[in-house]
ModelCIF file with pLDDT and N, C-alpha, C, O atoms, coordinates in Angstrom:
data_MODEL
#
_entry.id   MODEL 
#
_entity.id                         1 
_entity.type                       polymer 
_entity.pdbx_number_of_molecules   1 
#
_entity_poly.entity_id                      1 
_entity_poly.type                           'polypeptide(L)' 
_entity_poly.nstd_linkage                   no 
_entity_poly.nstd_monomer                   no 
_entity_poly.pdbx_seq_one_letter_code       PELPVSYAGGLFRSGGLILQPLRRELERLGGFRLVEPLMPPVLGAALL 
_entity_poly.pdbx_seq_one_letter_code_can   PELPVSYAGGLFRSGGLILQPLRRELERLGGFRLVEPLMPPVLGAALL 
_entity_poly.pdbx_strand_id                 A 
#
loop_
_entity_poly_seq.entity_id 
_entity_poly_seq.num 
_entity_poly_seq.mon_id 
_entity_poly_seq.hetero 
1 1  PRO n 
1 2  GLU n 
1 3  LEU n 
1 4  PRO n 
1 5  VAL n 
1 6  SER n 
1 7  TYR n 
1 8  ALA n 
1 9  GLY n 
1 10 GLY n 
1 11 LEU n 
1 12 PHE n 
1 13 ARG n 
1 14 SER n 
1 15 GLY n 
1 16 GLY n 
1 17 LEU n 
1 18 ILE n 
1 19 LEU n 
1 20 GLN n 
1 21 PRO n 
1 22 LEU n 
1 23 ARG n 
1 24 ARG n 
1 25 GLU n 
1 26 LEU n 
1 27 GLU n 
1 28 ARG n 
1 29 LEU n 
1 30 GLY n 
1 31 GLY n 
1 32 PHE n 
1 33 ARG n 
1 34 LEU n 
1 35 VAL n 
1 36 GLU n 
1 37 PRO n 
1 38 LEU n 
1 39 MET n 
1 40 PRO n 
1 41 PRO n 
1 42 VAL n 
1 43 LEU n 
1 44 GLY n 
1 45 ALA n 
1 46 ALA n 
1 47 LEU n 
1 48 LEU n 
#
_struct_asym.id          A 
_struct_asym.entity_id   1 
#
loop_
_ma_qa_metric.id 
_ma_qa_metric.mode 
_ma_qa_metric.name 
_ma_qa_metric.software_group_id 
_ma_qa_metric.type 
1 global pLDDT . pLDDT 
2 local  pLDDT . pLDDT 
#
_ma_qa_metric_global.metric_id      1 
_ma_qa_metric_global.metric_value   95.50 
_ma_qa_metric_global.model_id       1 
_ma_qa_metric_global.ordinal_id     1 
#
loop_
_ma_qa_metric_local.label_asym_id 
_ma_qa_metric_local.label_comp_id 
_ma_qa_metric_local.label_seq_id 
_ma_qa_metric_local.metric_id 
_ma_qa_metric_local.metric_value 
_ma_qa_metric_local.model_id 
_ma_qa_metric_local.ordinal_id 
A PRO 1  2 89.00 1 1  
A GLU 2  2 92.00 1 2  
A LEU 3  2 95.00 1 3  
A PRO 4  2 95.00 1 4  
A VAL 5  2 97.00 1 5  
A SER 6  2 97.00 1 6  
A TYR 7  2 96.00 1 7  
A ALA 8  2 92.00 1 8  
A GLY 9  2 89.00 1 9  
A GLY 10 2 90.00 1 10 
A LEU 11 2 95.00 1 11 
A PHE 12 2 96.00 1 12 
A ARG 13 2 94.00 1 13 
A SER 14 2 95.00 1 14 
A GLY 15 2 95.00 1 15 
A GLY 16 2 96.00 1 16 
A LEU 17 2 97.00 1 17 
A ILE 18 2 98.00 1 18 
A LEU 19 2 98.00 1 19 
A GLN 20 2 98.00 1 20 
A PRO 21 2 98.00 1 21 
A LEU 22 2 98.00 1 22 
A ARG 23 2 98.00 1 23 
A ARG 24 2 97.00 1 24 
A GLU 25 2 98.00 1 25 
A LEU 26 2 97.00 1 26 
A GLU 27 2 97.00 1 27 
A ARG 28 2 97.00 1 28 
A LEU 29 2 96.00 1 29 
A GLY 30 2 95.00 1 30 
A GLY 31 2 94.00 1 31 
A PHE 32 2 96.00 1 32 
A ARG 33 2 95.00 1 33 
A LEU 34 2 97.00 1 34 
A VAL 35 2 96.00 1 35 
A GLU 36 2 95.00 1 36 
A PRO 37 2 95.00 1 37 
A LEU 38 2 94.00 1 38 
A MET 39 2 94.00 1 39 
A PRO 40 2 93.00 1 40 
A PRO 41 2 93.00 1 41 
A VAL 42 2 96.00 1 42 
A LEU 43 2 97.00 1 43 
A GLY 44 2 96.00 1 44 
A ALA 45 2 97.00 1 45 
A ALA 46 2 97.00 1 46 
A LEU 47 2 97.00 1 47 
A LEU 48 2 97.00 1 48 
#
loop_
_atom_site.group_PDB 
_atom_site.id 
_atom_site.type_symbol 
_atom_site.label_atom_id 
_atom_site.label_alt_id 
_atom_site.label_comp_id 
_atom_site.label_asym_id 
_atom_site.label_entity_id 
_atom_site.label_seq_id 
_atom_site.pdbx_PDB_ins_code 
_atom_site.Cartn_x 
_atom_site.Cartn_y 
_atom_site.Cartn_z 
_atom_site.occupancy 
_atom_site.B_iso_or_equiv 
_atom_site.pdbx_formal_charge 
_atom_site.auth_seq_id 
_atom_site.auth_comp_id 
_atom_site.auth_asym_id 
_atom_site.auth_atom_id 
_atom_site.pdbx_PDB_model_num 
ATOM 1   N N  . PRO A 1 1  ? 87.026 9.756  122.047 1.00 89.00 ? 1  PRO A N  1 
ATOM 2   C CA . PRO A 1 1  ? 87.182 8.287  122.591 1.00 89.00 ? 1  PRO A CA 1 
ATOM 3   C C  . PRO A 1 1  ? 86.260 8.018  123.997 1.00 89.00 ? 1  PRO A C  1 
ATOM 4   O O  . PRO A 1 1  ? 85.808 6.964  124.445 1.00 89.00 ? 1  PRO A O  1 
ATOM 5   N N  . GLU A 1 2  ? 86.185 9.180  124.417 1.00 92.00 ? 2  GLU A N  1 
ATOM 6   C CA . GLU A 1 2  ? 85.188 9.555  125.833 1.00 92.00 ? 2  GLU A CA 1 
ATOM 7   C C  . GLU A 1 2  ? 84.580 10.441 125.867 1.00 92.00 ? 2  GLU A C  1 
ATOM 8   O O  . GLU A 1 2  ? 85.150 11.464 126.246 1.00 92.00 ? 2  GLU A O  1 
ATOM 9   N N  . LEU A 1 3  ? 83.332 10.512 125.551 1.00 95.00 ? 3  LEU A N  1 
ATOM 10  C CA . LEU A 1 3  ? 82.544 11.818 125.878 1.00 95.00 ? 3  LEU A CA 1 
ATOM 11  C C  . LEU A 1 3  ? 81.890 11.927 127.336 1.00 95.00 ? 3  LEU A C  1 
ATOM 12  O O  . LEU A 1 3  ? 81.168 11.201 128.020 1.00 95.00 ? 3  LEU A O  1 
ATOM 13  N N  . PRO A 1 4  ? 82.433 13.065 127.467 1.00 95.00 ? 4  PRO A N  1 
ATOM 14  C CA . PRO A 1 4  ? 82.016 13.430 128.945 1.00 95.00 ? 4  PRO A CA 1 
ATOM 15  C C  . PRO A 1 4  ? 79.951 13.802 128.744 1.00 95.00 ? 4  PRO A C  1 
ATOM 16  O O  . PRO A 1 4  ? 79.349 14.462 127.897 1.00 95.00 ? 4  PRO A O  1 
ATOM 17  N N  . VAL A 1 5  ? 79.552 13.172 129.708 1.00 97.00 ? 5  VAL A N  1 
ATOM 18  C CA . VAL A 1 5  ? 78.180 13.331 130.206 1.00 97.00 ? 5  VAL A CA 1 
ATOM 19  C C  . VAL A 1 5  ? 77.667 14.042 131.495 1.00 97.00 ? 5  VAL A C  1 
ATOM 20  O O  . VAL A 1 5  ? 77.779 13.507 132.598 1.00 97.00 ? 5  VAL A O  1 
ATOM 21  N N  . SER A 1 6  ? 77.183 15.085 131.341 1.00 97.00 ? 6  SER A N  1 
ATOM 22  C CA . SER A 1 6  ? 76.956 15.834 132.406 1.00 97.00 ? 6  SER A CA 1 
ATOM 23  C C  . SER A 1 6  ? 75.289 15.903 132.785 1.00 97.00 ? 6  SER A C  1 
ATOM 24  O O  . SER A 1 6  ? 74.447 15.196 132.231 1.00 97.00 ? 6  SER A O  1 
ATOM 25  N N  . TYR A 1 7  ? 75.072 16.651 133.578 1.00 96.00 ? 7  TYR A N  1 
ATOM 26  C CA . TYR A 1 7  ? 73.567 16.101 134.006 1.00 96.00 ? 7  TYR A CA 1 
ATOM 27  C C  . TYR A 1 7  ? 72.511 17.481 134.830 1.00 96.00 ? 7  TYR A C  1 
ATOM 28  O O  . TYR A 1 7  ? 73.151 17.865 135.809 1.00 96.00 ? 7  TYR A O  1 
ATOM 29  N N  . ALA A 1 8  ? 71.300 18.192 134.719 1.00 92.00 ? 8  ALA A N  1 
ATOM 30  C CA . ALA A 1 8  ? 71.104 18.867 135.124 1.00 92.00 ? 8  ALA A CA 1 
ATOM 31  C C  . ALA A 1 8  ? 69.117 18.306 135.165 1.00 92.00 ? 8  ALA A C  1 
ATOM 32  O O  . ALA A 1 8  ? 68.407 17.617 134.433 1.00 92.00 ? 8  ALA A O  1 
ATOM 33  N N  . GLY A 1 9  ? 68.893 19.151 136.557 1.00 89.00 ? 9  GLY A N  1 
ATOM 34  C CA . GLY A 1 9  ? 67.115 18.974 136.470 1.00 89.00 ? 9  GLY A CA 1 
ATOM 35  C C  . GLY A 1 9  ? 66.655 18.106 137.624 1.00 89.00 ? 9  GLY A C  1 
ATOM 36  O O  . GLY A 1 9  ? 67.312 17.178 138.097 1.00 89.00 ? 9  GLY A O  1 
ATOM 37  N N  . GLY A 1 10 ? 65.290 18.561 138.084 1.00 90.00 ? 10 GLY A N  1 
ATOM 38  C CA . GLY A 1 10 ? 64.875 18.260 139.398 1.00 90.00 ? 10 GLY A CA 1 
ATOM 39  C C  . GLY A 1 10 ? 65.109 17.197 139.915 1.00 90.00 ? 10 GLY A C  1 
ATOM 40  O O  . GLY A 1 10 ? 65.241 17.144 141.138 1.00 90.00 ? 10 GLY A O  1 
ATOM 41  N N  . LEU A 1 11 ? 65.217 16.127 139.168 1.00 95.00 ? 11 LEU A N  1 
ATOM 42  C CA . LEU A 1 11 ? 65.116 14.478 139.404 1.00 95.00 ? 11 LEU A CA 1 
ATOM 43  C C  . LEU A 1 11 ? 66.659 14.097 140.220 1.00 95.00 ? 11 LEU A C  1 
ATOM 44  O O  . LEU A 1 11 ? 66.757 13.310 141.161 1.00 95.00 ? 11 LEU A O  1 
ATOM 45  N N  . PHE A 1 12 ? 68.109 15.084 139.422 1.00 96.00 ? 12 PHE A N  1 
ATOM 46  C CA . PHE A 1 12 ? 68.861 14.733 140.338 1.00 96.00 ? 12 PHE A CA 1 
ATOM 47  C C  . PHE A 1 12 ? 69.124 15.144 141.265 1.00 96.00 ? 12 PHE A C  1 
ATOM 48  O O  . PHE A 1 12 ? 70.255 14.810 141.617 1.00 96.00 ? 12 PHE A O  1 
ATOM 49  N N  . ARG A 1 13 ? 68.405 16.026 142.199 1.00 94.00 ? 13 ARG A N  1 
ATOM 50  C CA . ARG A 1 13 ? 68.186 16.453 143.423 1.00 94.00 ? 13 ARG A CA 1 
ATOM 51  C C  . ARG A 1 13 ? 68.282 14.795 144.100 1.00 94.00 ? 13 ARG A C  1 
ATOM 52  O O  . ARG A 1 13 ? 68.882 14.657 145.166 1.00 94.00 ? 13 ARG A O  1 
ATOM 53  N N  . SER A 1 14 ? 67.795 13.842 143.564 1.00 95.00 ? 14 SER A N  1 
ATOM 54  C CA . SER A 1 14 ? 67.836 12.557 144.491 1.00 95.00 ? 14 SER A CA 1 
ATOM 55  C C  . SER A 1 14 ? 68.957 12.065 144.453 1.00 95.00 ? 14 SER A C  1 
ATOM 56  O O  . SER A 1 14 ? 69.048 10.861 144.691 1.00 95.00 ? 14 SER A O  1 
ATOM 57  N N  . GLY A 1 15 ? 70.257 12.901 144.119 1.00 95.00 ? 15 GLY A N  1 
ATOM 58  C CA . GLY A 1 15 ? 71.447 12.643 144.698 1.00 95.00 ? 15 GLY A CA 1 
ATOM 59  C C  . GLY A 1 15 ? 71.344 10.768 143.990 1.00 95.00 ? 15 GLY A C  1 
ATOM 60  O O  . GLY A 1 15 ? 70.489 10.281 143.251 1.00 95.00 ? 15 GLY A O  1 
ATOM 61  N N  . GLY A 1 16 ? 72.485 10.180 144.553 1.00 96.00 ? 16 GLY A N  1 
ATOM 62  C CA . GLY A 1 16 ? 72.997 8.694  144.216 1.00 96.00 ? 16 GLY A CA 1 
ATOM 63  C C  . GLY A 1 16 ? 71.685 7.622  144.028 1.00 96.00 ? 16 GLY A C  1 
ATOM 64  O O  . GLY A 1 16 ? 71.951 6.610  143.380 1.00 96.00 ? 16 GLY A O  1 
ATOM 65  N N  . LEU A 1 17 ? 70.239 7.760  144.557 1.00 97.00 ? 17 LEU A N  1 
ATOM 66  C CA . LEU A 1 17 ? 69.229 7.077  143.847 1.00 97.00 ? 17 LEU A CA 1 
ATOM 67  C C  . LEU A 1 17 ? 69.737 7.046  142.310 1.00 97.00 ? 17 LEU A C  1 
ATOM 68  O O  . LEU A 1 17 ? 69.990 5.998  141.717 1.00 97.00 ? 17 LEU A O  1 
ATOM 69  N N  . ILE A 1 18 ? 69.871 8.550  141.652 1.00 98.00 ? 18 ILE A N  1 
ATOM 70  C CA . ILE A 1 18 ? 69.509 8.453  139.958 1.00 98.00 ? 18 ILE A CA 1 
ATOM 71  C C  . ILE A 1 18 ? 71.413 8.052  139.244 1.00 98.00 ? 18 ILE A C  1 
ATOM 72  O O  . ILE A 1 18 ? 71.815 7.266  138.387 1.00 98.00 ? 18 ILE A O  1 
ATOM 73  N N  . LEU A 1 19 ? 72.225 9.215  140.286 1.00 98.00 ? 19 LEU A N  1 
ATOM 74  C CA . LEU A 1 19 ? 73.438 9.342  139.802 1.00 98.00 ? 19 LEU A CA 1 
ATOM 75  C C  . LEU A 1 19 ? 74.069 7.919  139.698 1.00 98.00 ? 19 LEU A C  1 
ATOM 76  O O  . LEU A 1 19 ? 74.655 7.594  138.665 1.00 98.00 ? 19 LEU A O  1 
ATOM 77  N N  . GLN A 1 20 ? 73.951 7.055  140.774 1.00 98.00 ? 20 GLN A N  1 
ATOM 78  C CA . GLN A 1 20 ? 74.874 6.016  140.933 1.00 98.00 ? 20 GLN A CA 1 
ATOM 79  C C  . GLN A 1 20 ? 73.917 4.664  139.981 1.00 98.00 ? 20 GLN A C  1 
ATOM 80  O O  . GLN A 1 20 ? 74.528 3.610  139.805 1.00 98.00 ? 20 GLN A O  1 
ATOM 81  N N  . PRO A 1 21 ? 73.215 4.719  139.711 1.00 98.00 ? 21 PRO A N  1 
ATOM 82  C CA . PRO A 1 21 ? 72.462 3.694  138.180 1.00 98.00 ? 21 PRO A CA 1 
ATOM 83  C C  . PRO A 1 21 ? 73.149 4.556  137.375 1.00 98.00 ? 21 PRO A C  1 
ATOM 84  O O  . PRO A 1 21 ? 74.276 4.133  137.118 1.00 98.00 ? 21 PRO A O  1 
ATOM 85  N N  . LEU A 1 22 ? 72.811 5.894  136.751 1.00 98.00 ? 22 LEU A N  1 
ATOM 86  C CA . LEU A 1 22 ? 73.391 6.595  135.570 1.00 98.00 ? 22 LEU A CA 1 
ATOM 87  C C  . LEU A 1 22 ? 74.914 6.259  135.549 1.00 98.00 ? 22 LEU A C  1 
ATOM 88  O O  . LEU A 1 22 ? 75.358 5.659  134.569 1.00 98.00 ? 22 LEU A O  1 
ATOM 89  N N  . ARG A 1 23 ? 75.762 6.621  136.604 1.00 98.00 ? 23 ARG A N  1 
ATOM 90  C CA . ARG A 1 23 ? 76.938 5.791  136.210 1.00 98.00 ? 23 ARG A CA 1 
ATOM 91  C C  . ARG A 1 23 ? 77.337 4.773  135.920 1.00 98.00 ? 23 ARG A C  1 
ATOM 92  O O  . ARG A 1 23 ? 78.300 4.596  135.174 1.00 98.00 ? 23 ARG A O  1 
ATOM 93  N N  . ARG A 1 24 ? 76.489 3.665  136.599 1.00 97.00 ? 24 ARG A N  1 
ATOM 94  C CA . ARG A 1 24 ? 76.838 2.048  136.297 1.00 97.00 ? 24 ARG A CA 1 
ATOM 95  C C  . ARG A 1 24 ? 76.608 2.151  134.956 1.00 97.00 ? 24 ARG A C  1 
ATOM 96  O O  . ARG A 1 24 ? 77.391 1.804  134.072 1.00 97.00 ? 24 ARG A O  1 
ATOM 97  N N  . GLU A 1 25 ? 75.083 2.829  134.756 1.00 98.00 ? 25 GLU A N  1 
ATOM 98  C CA . GLU A 1 25 ? 74.918 2.315  133.075 1.00 98.00 ? 25 GLU A CA 1 
ATOM 99  C C  . GLU A 1 25 ? 76.064 2.963  132.164 1.00 98.00 ? 25 GLU A C  1 
ATOM 100 O O  . GLU A 1 25 ? 76.638 2.234  131.355 1.00 98.00 ? 25 GLU A O  1 
ATOM 101 N N  . LEU A 1 26 ? 76.368 4.149  132.261 1.00 97.00 ? 26 LEU A N  1 
ATOM 102 C CA . LEU A 1 26 ? 77.300 4.647  131.600 1.00 97.00 ? 26 LEU A CA 1 
ATOM 103 C C  . LEU A 1 26 ? 78.692 3.832  131.131 1.00 97.00 ? 26 LEU A C  1 
ATOM 104 O O  . LEU A 1 26 ? 79.203 3.576  130.041 1.00 97.00 ? 26 LEU A O  1 
ATOM 105 N N  . GLU A 1 27 ? 79.017 3.576  132.466 1.00 97.00 ? 27 GLU A N  1 
ATOM 106 C CA . GLU A 1 27 ? 80.011 2.517  132.547 1.00 97.00 ? 27 GLU A CA 1 
ATOM 107 C C  . GLU A 1 27 ? 80.332 1.334  131.690 1.00 97.00 ? 27 GLU A C  1 
ATOM 108 O O  . GLU A 1 27 ? 81.326 1.112  130.999 1.00 97.00 ? 27 GLU A O  1 
ATOM 109 N N  . ARG A 1 28 ? 79.200 0.594  131.912 1.00 97.00 ? 28 ARG A N  1 
ATOM 110 C CA . ARG A 1 28 ? 78.433 -0.965 131.276 1.00 97.00 ? 28 ARG A CA 1 
ATOM 111 C C  . ARG A 1 28 ? 78.467 -0.163 129.889 1.00 97.00 ? 28 ARG A C  1 
ATOM 112 O O  . ARG A 1 28 ? 79.130 -0.889 129.149 1.00 97.00 ? 28 ARG A O  1 
ATOM 113 N N  . LEU A 1 29 ? 78.086 0.959  129.184 1.00 96.00 ? 29 LEU A N  1 
ATOM 114 C CA . LEU A 1 29 ? 77.943 1.181  127.621 1.00 96.00 ? 29 LEU A CA 1 
ATOM 115 C C  . LEU A 1 29 ? 79.271 1.382  127.157 1.00 96.00 ? 29 LEU A C  1 
ATOM 116 O O  . LEU A 1 29 ? 79.762 0.874  126.149 1.00 96.00 ? 29 LEU A O  1 
ATOM 117 N N  . GLY A 1 30 ? 79.894 2.261  128.067 1.00 95.00 ? 30 GLY A N  1 
ATOM 118 C CA . GLY A 1 30 ? 81.487 2.154  127.526 1.00 95.00 ? 30 GLY A CA 1 
ATOM 119 C C  . GLY A 1 30 ? 81.780 3.502  126.853 1.00 95.00 ? 30 GLY A C  1 
ATOM 120 O O  . GLY A 1 30 ? 80.719 4.122  126.911 1.00 95.00 ? 30 GLY A O  1 
ATOM 121 N N  . GLY A 1 31 ? 82.528 4.109  126.361 1.00 94.00 ? 31 GLY A N  1 
ATOM 122 C CA . GLY A 1 31 ? 82.547 5.494  125.729 1.00 94.00 ? 31 GLY A CA 1 
ATOM 123 C C  . GLY A 1 31 ? 81.907 6.655  126.167 1.00 94.00 ? 31 GLY A C  1 
ATOM 124 O O  . GLY A 1 31 ? 81.877 7.588  125.364 1.00 94.00 ? 31 GLY A O  1 
ATOM 125 N N  . PHE A 1 32 ? 81.319 6.827  127.409 1.00 96.00 ? 32 PHE A N  1 
ATOM 126 C CA . PHE A 1 32 ? 81.204 7.797  127.903 1.00 96.00 ? 32 PHE A CA 1 
ATOM 127 C C  . PHE A 1 32 ? 81.806 7.928  129.822 1.00 96.00 ? 32 PHE A C  1 
ATOM 128 O O  . PHE A 1 32 ? 82.057 7.087  130.684 1.00 96.00 ? 32 PHE A O  1 
ATOM 129 N N  . ARG A 1 33 ? 81.823 9.401  129.777 1.00 95.00 ? 33 ARG A N  1 
ATOM 130 C CA . ARG A 1 33 ? 82.291 9.607  131.415 1.00 95.00 ? 33 ARG A CA 1 
ATOM 131 C C  . ARG A 1 33 ? 81.346 10.776 131.953 1.00 95.00 ? 33 ARG A C  1 
ATOM 132 O O  . ARG A 1 33 ? 81.111 11.743 131.228 1.00 95.00 ? 33 ARG A O  1 
ATOM 133 N N  . LEU A 1 34 ? 80.858 10.681 133.118 1.00 97.00 ? 34 LEU A N  1 
ATOM 134 C CA . LEU A 1 34 ? 79.843 11.047 134.030 1.00 97.00 ? 34 LEU A CA 1 
ATOM 135 C C  . LEU A 1 34 ? 80.858 12.287 134.655 1.00 97.00 ? 34 LEU A C  1 
ATOM 136 O O  . LEU A 1 34 ? 81.840 12.083 135.370 1.00 97.00 ? 34 LEU A O  1 
ATOM 137 N N  . VAL A 1 35 ? 80.390 13.549 134.222 1.00 96.00 ? 35 VAL A N  1 
ATOM 138 C CA . VAL A 1 35 ? 80.822 14.719 135.113 1.00 96.00 ? 35 VAL A CA 1 
ATOM 139 C C  . VAL A 1 35 ? 79.741 15.202 135.784 1.00 96.00 ? 35 VAL A C  1 
ATOM 140 O O  . VAL A 1 35 ? 78.522 15.028 135.753 1.00 96.00 ? 35 VAL A O  1 
ATOM 141 N N  . GLU A 1 36 ? 80.698 16.005 136.540 1.00 95.00 ? 36 GLU A N  1 
ATOM 142 C CA . GLU A 1 36 ? 79.908 16.849 137.713 1.00 95.00 ? 36 GLU A CA 1 
ATOM 143 C C  . GLU A 1 36 ? 79.372 18.518 137.047 1.00 95.00 ? 36 GLU A C  1 
ATOM 144 O O  . GLU A 1 36 ? 80.333 19.209 136.708 1.00 95.00 ? 36 GLU A O  1 
ATOM 145 N N  . PRO A 1 37 ? 78.388 18.982 136.908 1.00 95.00 ? 37 PRO A N  1 
ATOM 146 C CA . PRO A 1 37 ? 78.210 20.337 136.223 1.00 95.00 ? 37 PRO A CA 1 
ATOM 147 C C  . PRO A 1 37 ? 79.091 21.145 136.836 1.00 95.00 ? 37 PRO A C  1 
ATOM 148 O O  . PRO A 1 37 ? 79.545 20.971 137.967 1.00 95.00 ? 37 PRO A O  1 
ATOM 149 N N  . LEU A 1 38 ? 79.458 22.468 135.731 1.00 94.00 ? 38 LEU A N  1 
ATOM 150 C CA . LEU A 1 38 ? 80.545 23.333 136.540 1.00 94.00 ? 38 LEU A CA 1 
ATOM 151 C C  . LEU A 1 38 ? 79.241 24.210 137.061 1.00 94.00 ? 38 LEU A C  1 
ATOM 152 O O  . LEU A 1 38 ? 79.376 24.781 138.143 1.00 94.00 ? 38 LEU A O  1 
ATOM 153 N N  . MET A 1 39 ? 77.968 24.352 136.343 1.00 94.00 ? 39 MET A N  1 
ATOM 154 C CA . MET A 1 39 ? 77.251 25.547 136.819 1.00 94.00 ? 39 MET A CA 1 
ATOM 155 C C  . MET A 1 39 ? 75.614 24.861 137.069 1.00 94.00 ? 39 MET A C  1 
ATOM 156 O O  . MET A 1 39 ? 75.449 23.642 137.125 1.00 94.00 ? 39 MET A O  1 
ATOM 157 N N  . PRO A 1 40 ? 74.842 25.532 137.161 1.00 93.00 ? 40 PRO A N  1 
ATOM 158 C CA . PRO A 1 40 ? 73.552 25.315 137.517 1.00 93.00 ? 40 PRO A CA 1 
ATOM 159 C C  . PRO A 1 40 ? 72.729 25.885 135.848 1.00 93.00 ? 40 PRO A C  1 
ATOM 160 O O  . PRO A 1 40 ? 73.345 26.776 135.264 1.00 93.00 ? 40 PRO A O  1 
ATOM 161 N N  . PRO A 1 41 ? 71.939 25.574 135.441 1.00 93.00 ? 41 PRO A N  1 
ATOM 162 C CA . PRO A 1 41 ? 71.513 25.754 134.129 1.00 93.00 ? 41 PRO A CA 1 
ATOM 163 C C  . PRO A 1 41 ? 70.461 27.500 134.158 1.00 93.00 ? 41 PRO A C  1 
ATOM 164 O O  . PRO A 1 41 ? 69.904 27.970 133.166 1.00 93.00 ? 41 PRO A O  1 
ATOM 165 N N  . VAL A 1 42 ? 70.463 28.075 135.442 1.00 96.00 ? 42 VAL A N  1 
ATOM 166 C CA . VAL A 1 42 ? 70.667 29.534 135.211 1.00 96.00 ? 42 VAL A CA 1 
ATOM 167 C C  . VAL A 1 42 ? 71.661 30.292 134.605 1.00 96.00 ? 42 VAL A C  1 
ATOM 168 O O  . VAL A 1 42 ? 71.720 31.047 133.634 1.00 96.00 ? 42 VAL A O  1 
ATOM 169 N N  . LEU A 1 43 ? 72.641 29.762 135.689 1.00 97.00 ? 43 LEU A N  1 
ATOM 170 C CA . LEU A 1 43 ? 74.163 30.345 134.826 1.00 97.00 ? 43 LEU A CA 1 
ATOM 171 C C  . LEU A 1 43 ? 74.260 30.254 133.523 1.00 97.00 ? 43 LEU A C  1 
ATOM 172 O O  . LEU A 1 43 ? 74.490 31.086 132.645 1.00 97.00 ? 43 LEU A O  1 
ATOM 173 N N  . GLY A 1 44 ? 74.044 29.077 133.518 1.00 96.00 ? 44 GLY A N  1 
ATOM 174 C CA . GLY A 1 44 ? 74.331 28.732 131.857 1.00 96.00 ? 44 GLY A CA 1 
ATOM 175 C C  . GLY A 1 44 ? 73.276 29.896 130.863 1.00 96.00 ? 44 GLY A C  1 
ATOM 176 O O  . GLY A 1 44 ? 73.758 30.426 129.862 1.00 96.00 ? 44 GLY A O  1 
ATOM 177 N N  . ALA A 1 45 ? 72.154 30.116 131.203 1.00 97.00 ? 45 ALA A N  1 
ATOM 178 C CA . ALA A 1 45 ? 71.150 31.102 130.782 1.00 97.00 ? 45 ALA A CA 1 
ATOM 179 C C  . ALA A 1 45 ? 71.881 32.361 130.381 1.00 97.00 ? 45 ALA A C  1 
ATOM 180 O O  . ALA A 1 45 ? 71.956 32.870 129.263 1.00 97.00 ? 45 ALA A O  1 
ATOM 181 N N  . ALA A 1 46 ? 72.462 32.799 131.652 1.00 97.00 ? 46 ALA A N  1 
ATOM 182 C CA . ALA A 1 46 ? 73.444 34.175 131.943 1.00 97.00 ? 46 ALA A CA 1 
ATOM 183 C C  . ALA A 1 46 ? 74.186 33.801 130.954 1.00 97.00 ? 46 ALA A C  1 
ATOM 184 O O  . ALA A 1 46 ? 73.840 34.253 129.862 1.00 97.00 ? 46 ALA A O  1 
ATOM 185 N N  . LEU A 1 47 ? 75.211 33.039 130.974 1.00 97.00 ? 47 LEU A N  1 
ATOM 186 C CA . LEU A 1 47 ? 76.165 33.087 129.667 1.00 97.00 ? 47 LEU A CA 1 
ATOM 187 C C  . LEU A 1 47 ? 75.799 33.287 128.174 1.00 97.00 ? 47 LEU A C  1 
ATOM 188 O O  . LEU A 1 47 ? 76.329 34.108 127.426 1.00 97.00 ? 47 LEU A O  1 
ATOM 189 N N  . LEU A 1 48 ? 74.695 32.308 127.812 1.00 97.00 ? 48 LEU A N  1 
ATOM 190 C CA . LEU A 1 48 ? 74.060 32.548 126.803 1.00 97.00 ? 48 LEU A CA 1 
ATOM 191 C C  . LEU A 1 48 ? 73.735 33.613 126.251 1.00 97.00 ? 48 LEU A C  1 
ATOM 192 O O  . LEU A 1 48 ? 73.075 33.594 125.212 1.00 97.00 ? 48 LEU A O  1 
#
């Protein structure tokens, strides 16, 4: 019913400039929930 959406990559170092409009757009679309990543990608690579 509500798909979690997280994010990674250099663009998101812009913080609210990209995260605020992304959250607004996902809310407008409905059925999504923006969530903060648990770990950075390099820790994800170690897990993999």
